[in-house]
Structure formats: C-alpha cells, structure tokens
Amino acid sequence: MKNLKTLPTPISKKDLVIGKKYSGICRNTSEAVWNGKVFEYKRYKFGFFDDTINHYEDDDGYDVFVPFERC
C-alpha cells in the first residue's frame, strides 16, 4: 500500500483464504494471516508475541484488521 489517501476496496470475509497472509491496516500491524475466524499476527509489546484481531466485519468495539490485498 503506497498511498493511504486512496485505499483500495477492503476484502470481505467470504473472499479470504485460510492460511494466506494479507496486507491491510489496524493499530498494531500491516500484515496478518487469516485462520478462518480471525487474523493472526506478531505483536511487539515488551517483546514479540502472537496475537489475534477481528476482521472489520466482526467489529466488537476494539481494533479490527482491514485487509486490502493478499501478500
């Protein structure tokens, strides 16, 4: 993603492929892997650890991942 002013159309959940990495946006990462339910990614907070984040269609009031393209 080169220009955040002109973002591409987000990828809906029905079009995601399990086990594939996607580039997108959220507060803590720009790449995440779809596991069929949530996105998984490495997060740094006093060291690296595995974390998960919801797809934007499953917004629960916290941070969500908005995927734009498959890596």
N, C-alpha and C. Protein backbone atom coordinates (compact mmCIF):
# COMPACT_ATOMS: atom_id res chain seq x y z
N MET A 1 0.85 -1.17 0.00
CA MET A 1 0.00 0.00 0.00
C MET A 1 0.89 1.23 0.00
N LYS A 2 0.87 1.93 -1.07
CA LYS A 2 1.78 3.04 -1.21
C LYS A 2 1.17 4.37 -0.78
N ASN A 3 -0.11 4.57 -1.03
CA ASN A 3 -0.73 5.85 -0.73
C ASN A 3 -2.00 5.62 0.08
N LEU A 4 -1.98 5.96 1.36
CA LEU A 4 -3.13 5.72 2.21
C LEU A 4 -4.29 6.66 1.91
N LYS A 5 -4.08 7.69 1.09
CA LYS A 5 -5.17 8.60 0.73
C LYS A 5 -6.13 7.95 -0.25
N THR A 6 -5.66 6.99 -1.02
CA THR A 6 -6.52 6.30 -1.98
C THR A 6 -6.47 4.80 -1.70
N LEU A 7 -7.16 4.39 -0.66
CA LEU A 7 -7.15 2.98 -0.27
C LEU A 7 -7.98 2.15 -1.23
N PRO A 8 -7.52 0.94 -1.52
CA PRO A 8 -8.32 0.03 -2.35
C PRO A 8 -9.53 -0.47 -1.57
N THR A 9 -10.40 -1.18 -2.25
CA THR A 9 -11.58 -1.74 -1.60
C THR A 9 -11.18 -2.86 -0.65
N PRO A 10 -11.68 -2.85 0.59
CA PRO A 10 -11.35 -3.93 1.54
C PRO A 10 -11.87 -5.29 1.05
N ILE A 11 -11.20 -6.34 1.45
CA ILE A 11 -11.59 -7.71 1.09
C ILE A 11 -12.59 -8.21 2.13
N SER A 12 -13.73 -8.70 1.69
CA SER A 12 -14.75 -9.20 2.62
C SER A 12 -14.34 -10.59 3.13
N LYS A 13 -14.92 -10.99 4.26
CA LYS A 13 -14.59 -12.28 4.88
C LYS A 13 -14.83 -13.45 3.93
N LYS A 14 -15.89 -13.40 3.15
CA LYS A 14 -16.22 -14.52 2.27
C LYS A 14 -15.17 -14.74 1.18
N ASP A 15 -14.34 -13.73 0.91
CA ASP A 15 -13.32 -13.84 -0.14
C ASP A 15 -11.92 -14.15 0.40
N LEU A 16 -11.78 -14.29 1.71
CA LEU A 16 -10.47 -14.59 2.30
C LEU A 16 -10.16 -16.08 2.18
N VAL A 17 -8.88 -16.41 2.11
CA VAL A 17 -8.42 -17.79 2.00
C VAL A 17 -7.68 -18.15 3.29
N ILE A 18 -8.10 -19.24 3.92
CA ILE A 18 -7.48 -19.68 5.18
C ILE A 18 -6.00 -19.97 4.96
N GLY A 19 -5.17 -19.46 5.88
CA GLY A 19 -3.74 -19.69 5.84
C GLY A 19 -2.96 -18.71 4.98
N LYS A 20 -3.64 -17.78 4.33
CA LYS A 20 -2.96 -16.80 3.47
C LYS A 20 -2.72 -15.50 4.24
N LYS A 21 -1.63 -14.82 3.88
CA LYS A 21 -1.27 -13.55 4.50
C LYS A 21 -1.86 -12.41 3.69
N TYR A 22 -2.33 -11.40 4.42
CA TYR A 22 -2.93 -10.22 3.80
C TYR A 22 -2.28 -8.95 4.32
N SER A 23 -2.16 -7.97 3.44
CA SER A 23 -1.72 -6.65 3.89
C SER A 23 -2.96 -5.81 4.09
N GLY A 24 -2.90 -4.95 5.09
CA GLY A 24 -4.04 -4.12 5.42
C GLY A 24 -3.67 -3.14 6.51
N ILE A 25 -4.68 -2.66 7.21
CA ILE A 25 -4.41 -1.69 8.27
C ILE A 25 -5.14 -2.05 9.56
N CYS A 26 -4.48 -1.76 10.66
CA CYS A 26 -5.04 -1.78 12.00
C CYS A 26 -4.03 -1.04 12.87
N ARG A 27 -4.25 -0.98 14.14
CA ARG A 27 -3.38 -0.22 15.03
C ARG A 27 -1.99 -0.84 15.19
N ASN A 28 -1.89 -2.17 15.19
CA ASN A 28 -0.63 -2.82 15.58
C ASN A 28 0.12 -3.56 14.48
N THR A 29 -0.45 -3.69 13.29
CA THR A 29 0.25 -4.42 12.23
C THR A 29 -0.26 -4.01 10.86
N SER A 30 0.51 -4.35 9.85
CA SER A 30 0.08 -4.09 8.47
C SER A 30 -0.01 -5.39 7.67
N GLU A 31 0.33 -6.52 8.31
CA GLU A 31 0.20 -7.84 7.69
C GLU A 31 -0.32 -8.84 8.71
N ALA A 32 -1.22 -9.70 8.27
CA ALA A 32 -1.78 -10.72 9.16
C ALA A 32 -2.24 -11.92 8.34
N VAL A 33 -2.31 -13.08 9.00
CA VAL A 33 -2.73 -14.33 8.36
C VAL A 33 -4.15 -14.68 8.80
N TRP A 34 -5.01 -15.00 7.84
CA TRP A 34 -6.40 -15.36 8.11
C TRP A 34 -6.47 -16.83 8.51
N ASN A 35 -7.09 -17.15 9.66
CA ASN A 35 -7.20 -18.55 10.10
C ASN A 35 -8.61 -19.10 9.94
N GLY A 36 -9.48 -18.35 9.29
CA GLY A 36 -10.85 -18.79 9.08
C GLY A 36 -11.83 -18.16 10.05
N LYS A 37 -11.30 -17.61 11.14
CA LYS A 37 -12.14 -16.97 12.15
C LYS A 37 -11.65 -15.56 12.48
N VAL A 38 -10.33 -15.43 12.70
CA VAL A 38 -9.69 -14.14 13.00
C VAL A 38 -8.34 -14.07 12.28
N PHE A 39 -7.74 -12.91 12.30
CA PHE A 39 -6.39 -12.75 11.77
C PHE A 39 -5.38 -12.98 12.89
N GLU A 40 -4.26 -13.60 12.54
CA GLU A 40 -3.16 -13.83 13.47
C GLU A 40 -1.96 -13.00 13.02
N TYR A 41 -1.23 -12.44 13.99
CA TYR A 41 -0.06 -11.64 13.65
C TYR A 41 0.89 -11.60 14.84
N LYS A 42 2.12 -11.17 14.58
CA LYS A 42 3.13 -10.99 15.63
C LYS A 42 3.02 -9.55 16.13
N ARG A 43 2.95 -9.39 17.43
CA ARG A 43 2.84 -8.07 18.02
C ARG A 43 4.03 -7.82 18.93
N TYR A 44 4.46 -6.57 18.98
CA TYR A 44 5.56 -6.22 19.88
C TYR A 44 5.03 -5.35 21.00
N LYS A 45 5.20 -5.81 22.23
CA LYS A 45 4.88 -5.04 23.43
C LYS A 45 5.73 -5.64 24.53
N PHE A 46 6.87 -5.03 24.81
CA PHE A 46 7.85 -5.57 25.75
C PHE A 46 8.35 -6.94 25.29
N GLY A 47 8.47 -7.13 23.99
CA GLY A 47 8.86 -8.38 23.36
C GLY A 47 7.79 -8.82 22.37
N PHE A 48 8.14 -9.73 21.48
CA PHE A 48 7.19 -10.21 20.48
C PHE A 48 6.31 -11.32 21.05
N PHE A 49 5.05 -11.33 20.64
CA PHE A 49 4.13 -12.41 21.00
C PHE A 49 3.05 -12.53 19.94
N ASP A 50 2.41 -13.71 19.87
CA ASP A 50 1.33 -13.94 18.91
C ASP A 50 0.06 -13.29 19.42
N ASP A 51 -0.68 -12.67 18.50
CA ASP A 51 -1.93 -12.03 18.87
C ASP A 51 -2.94 -12.26 17.75
N THR A 52 -4.20 -12.01 18.03
CA THR A 52 -5.25 -12.14 17.02
C THR A 52 -6.05 -10.85 16.96
N ILE A 53 -6.73 -10.66 15.84
CA ILE A 53 -7.55 -9.47 15.65
C ILE A 53 -8.71 -9.81 14.72
N ASN A 54 -9.85 -9.23 14.99
CA ASN A 54 -11.05 -9.49 14.18
C ASN A 54 -10.97 -8.82 12.82
N HIS A 55 -11.68 -9.43 11.87
CA HIS A 55 -11.93 -8.81 10.57
C HIS A 55 -12.86 -7.63 10.80
N TYR A 56 -12.80 -6.62 9.95
CA TYR A 56 -13.62 -5.43 10.16
C TYR A 56 -15.12 -5.71 10.15
N GLU A 57 -15.55 -6.79 9.51
CA GLU A 57 -16.98 -7.15 9.51
C GLU A 57 -17.43 -7.68 10.87
N ASP A 58 -16.48 -8.05 11.72
CA ASP A 58 -16.78 -8.56 13.07
C ASP A 58 -16.39 -7.54 14.13
N ASP A 59 -16.60 -6.28 13.85
CA ASP A 59 -16.21 -5.21 14.76
C ASP A 59 -16.87 -5.40 16.12
N ASP A 60 -16.04 -5.49 17.17
CA ASP A 60 -16.54 -5.68 18.53
C ASP A 60 -16.25 -4.46 19.41
N GLY A 61 -15.94 -3.35 18.78
CA GLY A 61 -15.66 -2.13 19.53
C GLY A 61 -14.19 -1.92 19.82
N TYR A 62 -13.36 -2.90 19.47
CA TYR A 62 -11.92 -2.79 19.65
C TYR A 62 -11.29 -2.65 18.27
N ASP A 63 -9.99 -2.75 18.20
CA ASP A 63 -9.28 -2.65 16.93
C ASP A 63 -9.69 -3.79 15.99
N VAL A 64 -9.74 -3.52 14.70
CA VAL A 64 -10.05 -4.52 13.68
C VAL A 64 -9.01 -4.43 12.57
N PHE A 65 -8.85 -5.52 11.81
CA PHE A 65 -7.94 -5.54 10.68
C PHE A 65 -8.76 -5.39 9.41
N VAL A 66 -8.33 -4.47 8.54
CA VAL A 66 -8.99 -4.24 7.27
C VAL A 66 -8.05 -4.70 6.17
N PRO A 67 -8.28 -5.89 5.58
CA PRO A 67 -7.38 -6.40 4.55
C PRO A 67 -7.67 -5.78 3.19
N PHE A 68 -6.58 -5.42 2.46
CA PHE A 68 -6.74 -4.82 1.15
C PHE A 68 -6.18 -5.68 0.02
N GLU A 69 -5.14 -6.47 0.31
CA GLU A 69 -4.59 -7.33 -0.75
C GLU A 69 -3.88 -8.53 -0.14
N ARG A 70 -3.85 -9.62 -0.90
CA ARG A 70 -3.16 -10.83 -0.47
C ARG A 70 -1.68 -10.69 -0.76
N CYS A 71 -0.85 -11.05 0.18
CA CYS A 71 0.61 -10.95 0.01
C CYS A 71 1.13 -12.09 -0.84
